[in-house]
Amino acid sequence: MKTKHIFLLILVLSMVATPLLAVEDYSPTNKVYAQTAEPFVGTSVRVMGMGGAGLGVRGYHDSFLFNPANLAKSGFKFSFPSVTVTAYNPKAILESGAIEDFEEGTESSMLSGAQKLLATINQDYGDVLTTDVSTTVTLGSLGLSLQVQERLMSYKDGADSLSANLVAQVTTAATVGYGFRINLVPDSISIDLGISARAVYKAYLKAQSASSITDMIEDGTDPSVKFLNETPLIAGYALPLSAGVNLNLPLGLSVSLVAKNIEGNYT
């Protein structure tokens, strides 16, 4: 019990100090890279398949990624490694004829396909394609989750398709968490407390403009050589913390408070 009291004190102090420890807003001076500053949030097939519903609802194997207090009395749960691929704006891509041009395979058709594909990118910030690989396990009050994400982002500051820029990013993350329950009124009212730590490594390539992509196709440049040997890579890591509290009430009602991304600056 003494250990739980110490843990509770640390958790409360962490959540109270969150405004002081919270990460300052990171706004890259180059607006093309603004999306790279977004905090990484782990995902899973369940979350993607449900459209984001029930993100922090207690009882799911992956809910501690959003609220570590959900690890209290979570028991044993295991999800097999899964892969989720999300393509954005598929209707416009299919109707553009870009896929047919790529299938033809000639130099002129490849260039035409690239131009048609770039024309489907909407103005402002967006995503083109993401691939998520994840696996999660909980045992008792402990949780572990591993995630890898490949993300192709876009930024377009005008109506002209040549103003589009693409940024490729890869993120790996490992999240560990612990939670426990304190019964205030037996079988009626209880408090769940939890804390998690995440190690995140993020790397992204220098943005590729629409003109540089079409030039690469026209010149017959090998993309693997271009991106692996000639394109600058920016990388960094972060060790953010999250803390959560659930107040469990009768009739299945609960109130939750979560402090996230504490000390999440990238180095």
C-alpha atoms as a PDB file:
ATOM      1  CA  MET A   1       0.000   0.000   0.000  1.00  0.00           C
ATOM      2  CA  LYS A   2       2.884   2.348   0.751  1.00  0.00           C
ATOM      3  CA  THR A   3       4.180   1.841  -2.795  1.00  0.00           C
ATOM      4  CA  LYS A   4       0.772   2.781  -4.202  1.00  0.00           C
ATOM      5  CA  HIS A   5       0.697   5.965  -2.131  1.00  0.00           C
ATOM      6  CA  ILE A   6       4.126   6.975  -3.442  1.00  0.00           C
ATOM      7  CA  PHE A   7       3.028   6.224  -6.996  1.00  0.00           C
ATOM      8  CA  LEU A   8      -0.148   8.266  -6.491  1.00  0.00           C
ATOM      9  CA  LEU A   9       1.861  11.226  -5.195  1.00  0.00           C
ATOM     10  CA  ILE A  10       4.217  11.116  -8.185  1.00  0.00           C
ATOM     11  CA  LEU A  11       1.290  10.852 -10.590  1.00  0.00           C
ATOM     12  CA  VAL A  12      -0.592  13.781  -9.067  1.00  0.00           C
ATOM     13  CA  LEU A  13       2.518  15.959  -9.059  1.00  0.00           C
ATOM     14  CA  SER A  14       3.173  15.057 -12.698  1.00  0.00           C
ATOM     15  CA  MET A  15      -0.333  16.029 -13.777  1.00  0.00           C
ATOM     16  CA  VAL A  16      -0.285  19.252 -11.775  1.00  0.00           C
ATOM     17  CA  ALA A  17       3.062  20.186 -13.309  1.00  0.00           C
ATOM     18  CA  THR A  18       1.948  19.372 -16.849  1.00  0.00           C
ATOM     19  CA  PRO A  19       1.398  23.030 -17.846  1.00  0.00           C
ATOM     20  CA  LEU A  20       4.986  23.731 -16.814  1.00  0.00           C
ATOM     21  CA  LEU A  21       6.489  20.655 -18.457  1.00  0.00           C
ATOM     22  CA  ALA A  22       4.341  20.548 -21.572  1.00  0.00           C
ATOM     23  CA  VAL A  23       6.143  20.729 -24.869  1.00  0.00           C
ATOM     24  CA  GLU A  24       6.305  24.165 -26.398  1.00  0.00           C
ATOM     25  CA  ASP A  25       4.522  24.565 -29.701  1.00  0.00           C
ATOM     26  CA  TYR A  26       6.972  23.538 -32.398  1.00  0.00           C
ATOM     27  CA  SER A  27       6.346  25.466 -35.597  1.00  0.00           C
ATOM     28  CA  PRO A  28       8.985  24.808 -38.267  1.00  0.00           C
ATOM     29  CA  THR A  29      10.085  27.964 -40.054  1.00  0.00           C
ATOM     30  CA  ASN A  30       9.405  26.192 -43.352  1.00  0.00           C
ATOM     31  CA  LYS A  31       5.642  25.628 -43.522  1.00  0.00           C
ATOM     32  CA  VAL A  32       6.100  22.618 -45.811  1.00  0.00           C
ATOM     33  CA  TYR A  33       7.294  20.598 -42.782  1.00  0.00           C
ATOM     34  CA  ALA A  34       4.588  21.651 -40.302  1.00  0.00           C
ATOM     35  CA  GLN A  35       3.058  18.146 -40.159  1.00  0.00           C
ATOM     36  CA  THR A  36       6.352  16.612 -39.053  1.00  0.00           C
ATOM     37  CA  ALA A  37       5.944  18.445 -35.737  1.00  0.00           C
ATOM     38  CA  GLU A  38       2.717  16.607 -34.878  1.00  0.00           C
ATOM     39  CA  PRO A  39       3.055  14.318 -31.813  1.00  0.00           C
ATOM     40  CA  PHE A  40       2.999  10.638 -32.725  1.00  0.00           C
ATOM     41  CA  VAL A  41      -0.037   8.723 -31.497  1.00  0.00           C
ATOM     42  CA  GLY A  42       0.059   4.943 -31.676  1.00  0.00           C
ATOM     43  CA  THR A  43      -2.754   3.239 -33.526  1.00  0.00           C
ATOM     44  CA  SER A  44      -4.118  -0.234 -34.216  1.00  0.00           C
ATOM     45  CA  VAL A  45      -6.416  -2.111 -36.568  1.00  0.00           C
ATOM     46  CA  ARG A  46      -9.290  -1.683 -34.084  1.00  0.00           C
ATOM     47  CA  VAL A  47      -8.888   2.079 -33.896  1.00  0.00           C
ATOM     48  CA  MET A  48      -8.531   2.439 -37.665  1.00  0.00           C
ATOM     49  CA  GLY A  49     -11.418   0.086 -38.394  1.00  0.00           C
ATOM     50  CA  MET A  50     -13.792   1.822 -35.989  1.00  0.00           C
ATOM     51  CA  GLY A  51     -13.023   5.244 -37.395  1.00  0.00           C
ATOM     52  CA  GLY A  52     -11.437   6.425 -34.150  1.00  0.00           C
ATOM     53  CA  ALA A  53     -14.375   5.413 -31.934  1.00  0.00           C
ATOM     54  CA  GLY A  54     -13.678   4.249 -28.403  1.00  0.00           C
ATOM     55  CA  LEU A  55     -10.098   5.469 -28.377  1.00  0.00           C
ATOM     56  CA  GLY A  56      -9.769   5.627 -24.611  1.00  0.00           C
ATOM     57  CA  VAL A  57     -12.510   3.240 -23.479  1.00  0.00           C
ATOM     58  CA  ARG A  58     -11.320   0.849 -20.791  1.00  0.00           C
ATOM     59  CA  GLY A  59     -11.341  -2.838 -21.659  1.00  0.00           C
ATOM     60  CA  TYR A  60      -9.619  -2.765 -25.044  1.00  0.00           C
ATOM     61  CA  HIS A  61      -6.073  -4.052 -25.457  1.00  0.00           C
ATOM     62  CA  ASP A  62      -4.843  -0.789 -26.988  1.00  0.00           C
ATOM     63  CA  SER A  63      -6.788   1.799 -24.985  1.00  0.00           C
ATOM     64  CA  PHE A  64      -3.821   2.451 -22.680  1.00  0.00           C
ATOM     65  CA  LEU A  65      -2.111   4.200 -25.603  1.00  0.00           C
ATOM     66  CA  PHE A  66      -4.586   7.036 -25.081  1.00  0.00           C
ATOM     67  CA  ASN A  67      -5.137   6.702 -21.317  1.00  0.00           C
ATOM     68  CA  PRO A  68      -2.622   4.655 -19.283  1.00  0.00           C
ATOM     69  CA  ALA A  69      -5.085   4.433 -16.382  1.00  0.00           C
ATOM     70  CA  ASN A  70      -6.946   1.827 -18.460  1.00  0.00           C
ATOM     71  CA  LEU A  71      -4.203  -0.660 -17.571  1.00  0.00           C
ATOM     72  CA  ALA A  72      -5.660  -1.074 -14.079  1.00  0.00           C
ATOM     73  CA  LYS A  73      -6.860  -4.686 -13.823  1.00  0.00           C
ATOM     74  CA  SER A  74      -6.603  -5.065 -17.589  1.00  0.00           C
ATOM     75  CA  GLY A  75      -5.584  -8.731 -17.414  1.00  0.00           C
ATOM     76  CA  PHE A  76      -3.935 -10.575 -20.294  1.00  0.00           C
ATOM     77  CA  LYS A  77      -4.599  -9.375 -23.825  1.00  0.00           C
ATOM     78  CA  PHE A  78      -2.502  -9.865 -26.937  1.00  0.00           C
ATOM     79  CA  SER A  79      -2.881  -8.633 -30.496  1.00  0.00           C
ATOM     80  CA  PHE A  80      -1.007 -10.304 -33.311  1.00  0.00           C
ATOM     81  CA  PRO A  81       1.182  -7.973 -35.379  1.00  0.00           C
ATOM     82  CA  SER A  82      -1.062  -6.231 -37.866  1.00  0.00           C
ATOM     83  CA  VAL A  83      -0.599  -4.016 -40.907  1.00  0.00           C
ATOM     84  CA  THR A  84      -2.982  -1.214 -41.828  1.00  0.00           C
ATOM     85  CA  VAL A  85      -2.676   0.683 -45.110  1.00  0.00           C
ATOM     86  CA  THR A  86      -4.704   3.855 -45.600  1.00  0.00           C
ATOM     87  CA  ALA A  87      -4.951   5.567 -48.988  1.00  0.00           C
ATOM     88  CA  TYR A  88      -6.428   9.058 -48.973  1.00  0.00           C
ATOM     89  CA  ASN A  89      -8.648  10.542 -51.692  1.00  0.00           C
ATOM     90  CA  PRO A  90      -8.944   7.212 -53.597  1.00  0.00           C
ATOM     91  CA  LYS A  91     -11.988   8.280 -55.644  1.00  0.00           C
ATOM     92  CA  ALA A  92     -10.126  11.191 -57.236  1.00  0.00           C
ATOM     93  CA  ILE A  93      -7.077   8.998 -57.912  1.00  0.00           C
ATOM     94  CA  LEU A  94      -9.139   6.261 -59.582  1.00  0.00           C
ATOM     95  CA  GLU A  95     -11.012   8.770 -61.722  1.00  0.00           C
ATOM     96  CA  SER A  96      -7.843  10.629 -62.751  1.00  0.00           C
ATOM     97  CA  GLY A  97      -6.536   7.799 -64.933  1.00  0.00           C
ATOM     98  CA  ALA A  98      -3.141   7.860 -63.209  1.00  0.00           C
ATOM     99  CA  ILE A  99      -3.204   4.139 -62.400  1.00  0.00           C
ATOM    100  CA  GLU A 100      -3.842   3.198 -66.037  1.00  0.00           C
ATOM    101  CA  ASP A 101      -0.905   5.362 -67.105  1.00  0.00           C
ATOM    102  CA  PHE A 102       1.392   3.731 -64.544  1.00  0.00           C
ATOM    103  CA  GLU A 103       0.300   0.270 -65.701  1.00  0.00           C
ATOM    104  CA  GLU A 104       1.242   1.141 -69.283  1.00  0.00           C
ATOM    105  CA  GLY A 105       4.817   1.576 -68.099  1.00  0.00           C
ATOM    106  CA  THR A 106       6.269   3.773 -70.845  1.00  0.00           C
ATOM    107  CA  GLU A 107       8.287   6.881 -70.016  1.00  0.00           C
ATOM    108  CA  SER A 108       5.608   9.215 -71.373  1.00  0.00           C
ATOM    109  CA  SER A 109       2.781   7.367 -69.611  1.00  0.00           C
ATOM    110  CA  MET A 110       4.681   7.350 -66.307  1.00  0.00           C
ATOM    111  CA  LEU A 111       5.140  11.111 -66.579  1.00  0.00           C
ATOM    112  CA  SER A 112       1.475  11.567 -67.446  1.00  0.00           C
ATOM    113  CA  GLY A 113       0.457   9.369 -64.503  1.00  0.00           C
ATOM    114  CA  ALA A 114       2.627  11.369 -62.103  1.00  0.00           C
ATOM    115  CA  GLN A 115       1.108  14.633 -63.303  1.00  0.00           C
ATOM    116  CA  LYS A 116      -2.424  13.277 -62.926  1.00  0.00           C
ATOM    117  CA  LEU A 117      -1.653  11.924 -59.456  1.00  0.00           C
ATOM    118  CA  LEU A 118      -0.175  15.239 -58.304  1.00  0.00           C
ATOM    119  CA  ALA A 119      -3.275  17.022 -59.611  1.00  0.00           C
ATOM    120  CA  THR A 120      -5.441  15.049 -57.135  1.00  0.00           C
ATOM    121  CA  ILE A 121      -3.644  16.551 -54.124  1.00  0.00           C
ATOM    122  CA  ASN A 122      -5.841  19.066 -52.337  1.00  0.00           C
ATOM    123  CA  GLN A 123      -4.694  22.527 -51.356  1.00  0.00           C
ATOM    124  CA  ASP A 124      -3.160  23.041 -47.883  1.00  0.00           C
ATOM    125  CA  TYR A 125      -1.975  20.121 -45.682  1.00  0.00           C
ATOM    126  CA  GLY A 126      -2.965  16.511 -46.195  1.00  0.00           C
ATOM    127  CA  ASP A 127      -1.950  12.860 -46.299  1.00  0.00           C
ATOM    128  CA  VAL A 128      -1.432  10.697 -49.362  1.00  0.00           C
ATOM    129  CA  LEU A 129      -0.687   7.270 -47.878  1.00  0.00           C
ATOM    130  CA  THR A 130       0.046   5.796 -44.448  1.00  0.00           C
ATOM    131  CA  THR A 131       1.133   2.305 -43.452  1.00  0.00           C
ATOM    132  CA  ASP A 132       0.908   1.281 -39.782  1.00  0.00           C
ATOM    133  CA  VAL A 133       2.368  -1.854 -38.209  1.00  0.00           C
ATOM    134  CA  SER A 134       1.541  -2.528 -34.562  1.00  0.00           C
ATOM    135  CA  THR A 135       1.354  -5.154 -31.848  1.00  0.00           C
ATOM    136  CA  THR A 136       0.211  -4.799 -28.248  1.00  0.00           C
ATOM    137  CA  VAL A 137       0.222  -6.975 -25.146  1.00  0.00           C
ATOM    138  CA  THR A 138      -1.085  -6.381 -21.620  1.00  0.00           C
ATOM    139  CA  LEU A 139      -0.342  -8.573 -18.628  1.00  0.00           C
ATOM    140  CA  GLY A 140      -1.973  -7.783 -15.309  1.00  0.00           C
ATOM    141  CA  SER A 141      -1.470  -4.050 -14.898  1.00  0.00           C
ATOM    142  CA  LEU A 142       1.421  -3.766 -17.350  1.00  0.00           C
ATOM    143  CA  GLY A 143       1.233  -2.919 -21.026  1.00  0.00           C
ATOM    144  CA  LEU A 144       3.636  -2.893 -23.974  1.00  0.00           C
ATOM    145  CA  SER A 145       2.990  -1.711 -27.515  1.00  0.00           C
ATOM    146  CA  LEU A 146       5.265  -1.483 -30.547  1.00  0.00           C
ATOM    147  CA  GLN A 147       4.403   0.645 -33.574  1.00  0.00           C
ATOM    148  CA  VAL A 148       5.965   1.552 -36.902  1.00  0.00           C
ATOM    149  CA  GLN A 149       4.412   4.057 -39.278  1.00  0.00           C
ATOM    150  CA  GLU A 150       5.286   5.127 -42.794  1.00  0.00           C
ATOM    151  CA  ARG A 151       3.546   8.358 -43.733  1.00  0.00           C
ATOM    152  CA  LEU A 152       3.523  10.258 -47.017  1.00  0.00           C
ATOM    153  CA  MET A 153       2.328  13.815 -46.379  1.00  0.00           C
ATOM    154  CA  SER A 154       1.458  16.598 -48.776  1.00  0.00           C
ATOM    155  CA  TYR A 155       1.426  20.385 -48.759  1.00  0.00           C
ATOM    156  CA  LYS A 156       0.047  22.510 -51.563  1.00  0.00           C
ATOM    157  CA  ASP A 157      -0.006  26.298 -51.216  1.00  0.00           C
ATOM    158  CA  GLY A 158      -1.877  27.060 -54.448  1.00  0.00           C
ATOM    159  CA  ALA A 159      -4.298  25.694 -57.014  1.00  0.00           C
ATOM    160  CA  ASP A 160      -1.500  24.781 -59.432  1.00  0.00           C
ATOM    161  CA  SER A 161      -0.541  21.098 -59.194  1.00  0.00           C
ATOM    162  CA  LEU A 162       3.131  22.101 -59.538  1.00  0.00           C
ATOM    163  CA  SER A 163       2.921  23.828 -56.135  1.00  0.00           C
ATOM    164  CA  ALA A 164       2.490  20.452 -54.405  1.00  0.00           C
ATOM    165  CA  ASN A 165       5.207  19.084 -52.104  1.00  0.00           C
ATOM    166  CA  LEU A 166       5.509  15.556 -50.732  1.00  0.00           C
ATOM    167  CA  VAL A 167       7.257  14.638 -47.469  1.00  0.00           C
ATOM    168  CA  ALA A 168       8.013  10.989 -46.600  1.00  0.00           C
ATOM    169  CA  GLN A 169       8.294  10.174 -42.893  1.00  0.00           C
ATOM    170  CA  VAL A 170       8.985   7.012 -40.871  1.00  0.00           C
ATOM    171  CA  THR A 171       8.246   6.760 -37.138  1.00  0.00           C
ATOM    172  CA  THR A 172       8.992   3.920 -34.724  1.00  0.00           C
ATOM    173  CA  ALA A 173       7.713   3.862 -31.160  1.00  0.00           C
ATOM    174  CA  ALA A 174       7.685   1.623 -28.103  1.00  0.00           C
ATOM    175  CA  THR A 175       5.214   2.357 -25.305  1.00  0.00           C
ATOM    176  CA  VAL A 176       5.268   0.836 -21.821  1.00  0.00           C
ATOM    177  CA  GLY A 177       2.695   1.556 -19.144  1.00  0.00           C
ATOM    178  CA  TYR A 178       1.526   0.624 -15.663  1.00  0.00           C
ATOM    179  CA  GLY A 179      -1.773   1.150 -13.891  1.00  0.00           C
ATOM    180  CA  PHE A 180      -3.597   0.127 -10.730  1.00  0.00           C
ATOM    181  CA  ARG A 181      -6.949   0.614  -9.006  1.00  0.00           C
ATOM    182  CA  ILE A 182      -7.840   2.063  -5.618  1.00  0.00           C
ATOM    183  CA  ASN A 183     -11.290   1.112  -4.311  1.00  0.00           C
ATOM    184  CA  LEU A 184     -12.969   4.025  -2.536  1.00  0.00           C
ATOM    185  CA  VAL A 185     -16.346   2.343  -2.026  1.00  0.00           C
ATOM    186  CA  PRO A 186     -16.192  -1.438  -2.576  1.00  0.00           C
ATOM    187  CA  ASP A 187     -17.984  -2.552  -5.766  1.00  0.00           C
ATOM    188  CA  SER A 188     -19.220   0.991  -6.345  1.00  0.00           C
ATOM    189  CA  ILE A 189     -16.636   3.764  -6.664  1.00  0.00           C
ATOM    190  CA  SER A 190     -12.955   3.394  -7.536  1.00  0.00           C
ATOM    191  CA  ILE A 191     -10.046   5.315  -9.019  1.00  0.00           C
ATOM    192  CA  ASP A 192      -7.709   3.992 -11.715  1.00  0.00           C
ATOM    193  CA  LEU A 193      -4.251   5.525 -11.972  1.00  0.00           C
ATOM    194  CA  GLY A 194      -1.722   4.962 -14.712  1.00  0.00           C
ATOM    195  CA  ILE A 195       1.432   6.271 -16.298  1.00  0.00           C
ATOM    196  CA  SER A 196       3.171   5.411 -19.560  1.00  0.00           C
ATOM    197  CA  ALA A 197       6.456   6.225 -21.251  1.00  0.00           C
ATOM    198  CA  ARG A 198       7.060   6.202 -24.980  1.00  0.00           C
ATOM    199  CA  ALA A 199      10.331   6.092 -26.894  1.00  0.00           C
ATOM    200  CA  VAL A 200       9.803   7.629 -30.330  1.00  0.00           C
ATOM    201  CA  TYR A 201      12.247   7.854 -33.221  1.00  0.00           C
ATOM    202  CA  LYS A 202      11.149   9.932 -36.202  1.00  0.00           C
ATOM    203  CA  ALA A 203      12.883  10.505 -39.532  1.00  0.00           C
ATOM    204  CA  TYR A 204      11.715  12.327 -42.629  1.00  0.00           C
ATOM    205  CA  LEU A 205      13.212  13.119 -46.009  1.00  0.00           C
ATOM    206  CA  LYS A 206      13.619  16.519 -47.578  1.00  0.00           C
ATOM    207  CA  ALA A 207      10.390  17.560 -49.300  1.00  0.00           C
ATOM    208  CA  GLN A 208      10.070  16.666 -52.955  1.00  0.00           C
ATOM    209  CA  SER A 209       8.338  19.270 -55.104  1.00  0.00           C
ATOM    210  CA  ALA A 210       6.043  18.324 -57.962  1.00  0.00           C
ATOM    211  CA  SER A 211       8.566  19.630 -60.481  1.00  0.00           C
ATOM    212  CA  SER A 212      11.424  17.589 -58.984  1.00  0.00           C
ATOM    213  CA  ILE A 213       9.294  14.429 -59.157  1.00  0.00           C
ATOM    214  CA  THR A 214       8.370  14.944 -62.807  1.00  0.00           C
ATOM    215  CA  ASP A 215      11.985  15.853 -63.636  1.00  0.00           C
ATOM    216  CA  MET A 216      13.162  12.618 -62.016  1.00  0.00           C
ATOM    217  CA  ILE A 217      10.770  10.615 -64.203  1.00  0.00           C
ATOM    218  CA  GLU A 218      11.784  12.475 -67.363  1.00  0.00           C
ATOM    219  CA  ASP A 219      15.484  11.937 -66.625  1.00  0.00           C
ATOM    220  CA  GLY A 220      14.963   8.241 -65.888  1.00  0.00           C
ATOM    221  CA  THR A 221      16.547   8.620 -62.441  1.00  0.00           C
ATOM    222  CA  ASP A 222      16.390   5.541 -60.202  1.00  0.00           C
ATOM    223  CA  PRO A 223      14.168   6.557 -57.226  1.00  0.00           C
ATOM    224  CA  SER A 224      16.098   4.306 -54.826  1.00  0.00           C
ATOM    225  CA  VAL A 225      19.348   6.089 -55.698  1.00  0.00           C
ATOM    226  CA  LYS A 226      17.694   9.494 -55.499  1.00  0.00           C
ATOM    227  CA  PHE A 227      16.110   9.005 -52.080  1.00  0.00           C
ATOM    228  CA  LEU A 228      18.718   6.807 -50.379  1.00  0.00           C
ATOM    229  CA  ASN A 229      21.889   8.498 -51.582  1.00  0.00           C
ATOM    230  CA  GLU A 230      21.046  12.057 -52.556  1.00  0.00           C
ATOM    231  CA  THR A 231      18.099  13.236 -50.435  1.00  0.00           C
ATOM    232  CA  PRO A 232      18.849  14.795 -46.996  1.00  0.00           C
ATOM    233  CA  LEU A 233      17.359  12.965 -43.997  1.00  0.00           C
ATOM    234  CA  ILE A 234      16.242  14.700 -40.803  1.00  0.00           C
ATOM    235  CA  ALA A 235      15.855  12.533 -37.690  1.00  0.00           C
ATOM    236  CA  GLY A 236      15.344  12.813 -33.948  1.00  0.00           C
ATOM    237  CA  TYR A 237      13.986  11.029 -30.885  1.00  0.00           C
ATOM    238  CA  ALA A 238      11.712  11.895 -27.973  1.00  0.00           C
ATOM    239  CA  LEU A 239      10.774  10.295 -24.643  1.00  0.00           C
ATOM    240  CA  PRO A 240       7.312  11.673 -23.786  1.00  0.00           C
ATOM    241  CA  LEU A 241       5.319  10.647 -20.716  1.00  0.00           C
ATOM    242  CA  SER A 242       1.556  10.342 -20.245  1.00  0.00           C
ATOM    243  CA  ALA A 243      -0.456  10.094 -17.027  1.00  0.00           C
ATOM    244  CA  GLY A 244      -4.125   9.258 -16.602  1.00  0.00           C
ATOM    245  CA  VAL A 245      -6.853   9.023 -13.960  1.00  0.00           C
ATOM    246  CA  ASN A 246     -10.254   7.305 -14.192  1.00  0.00           C
ATOM    247  CA  LEU A 247     -12.977   7.952 -11.631  1.00  0.00           C
ATOM    248  CA  ASN A 248     -15.281   4.933 -11.895  1.00  0.00           C
ATOM    249  CA  LEU A 249     -18.851   5.561 -10.713  1.00  0.00           C
ATOM    250  CA  PRO A 250     -21.973   3.394 -10.379  1.00  0.00           C
ATOM    251  CA  LEU A 251     -24.008   2.387 -13.458  1.00  0.00           C
ATOM    252  CA  GLY A 252     -20.857   2.113 -15.550  1.00  0.00           C
ATOM    253  CA  LEU A 253     -20.171   5.838 -15.602  1.00  0.00           C
ATOM    254  CA  SER A 254     -16.583   7.075 -15.534  1.00  0.00           C
ATOM    255  CA  VAL A 255     -14.740  10.381 -15.707  1.00  0.00           C
ATOM    256  CA  SER A 256     -11.201  10.465 -17.094  1.00  0.00           C
ATOM    257  CA  LEU A 257      -8.352  12.949 -17.075  1.00  0.00           C
ATOM    258  CA  VAL A 258      -5.217  12.457 -19.167  1.00  0.00           C
ATOM    259  CA  ALA A 259      -2.036  14.525 -19.401  1.00  0.00           C
ATOM    260  CA  LYS A 260      -0.122  13.636 -22.574  1.00  0.00           C
ATOM    261  CA  ASN A 261       3.171  14.404 -24.283  1.00  0.00           C
ATOM    262  CA  ILE A 262       4.930  15.550 -21.114  1.00  0.00           C
ATOM    263  CA  GLU A 263       8.564  16.392 -21.888  1.00  0.00           C
ATOM    264  CA  GLY A 264       8.085  15.294 -25.492  1.00  0.00           C
ATOM    265  CA  ASN A 265      10.695  17.497 -27.154  1.00  0.00           C
ATOM    266  CA  TYR A 266      12.658  15.881 -29.972  1.00  0.00           C
ATOM    267  CA  THR A 267      16.437  15.750 -29.838  1.00  0.00           C
END
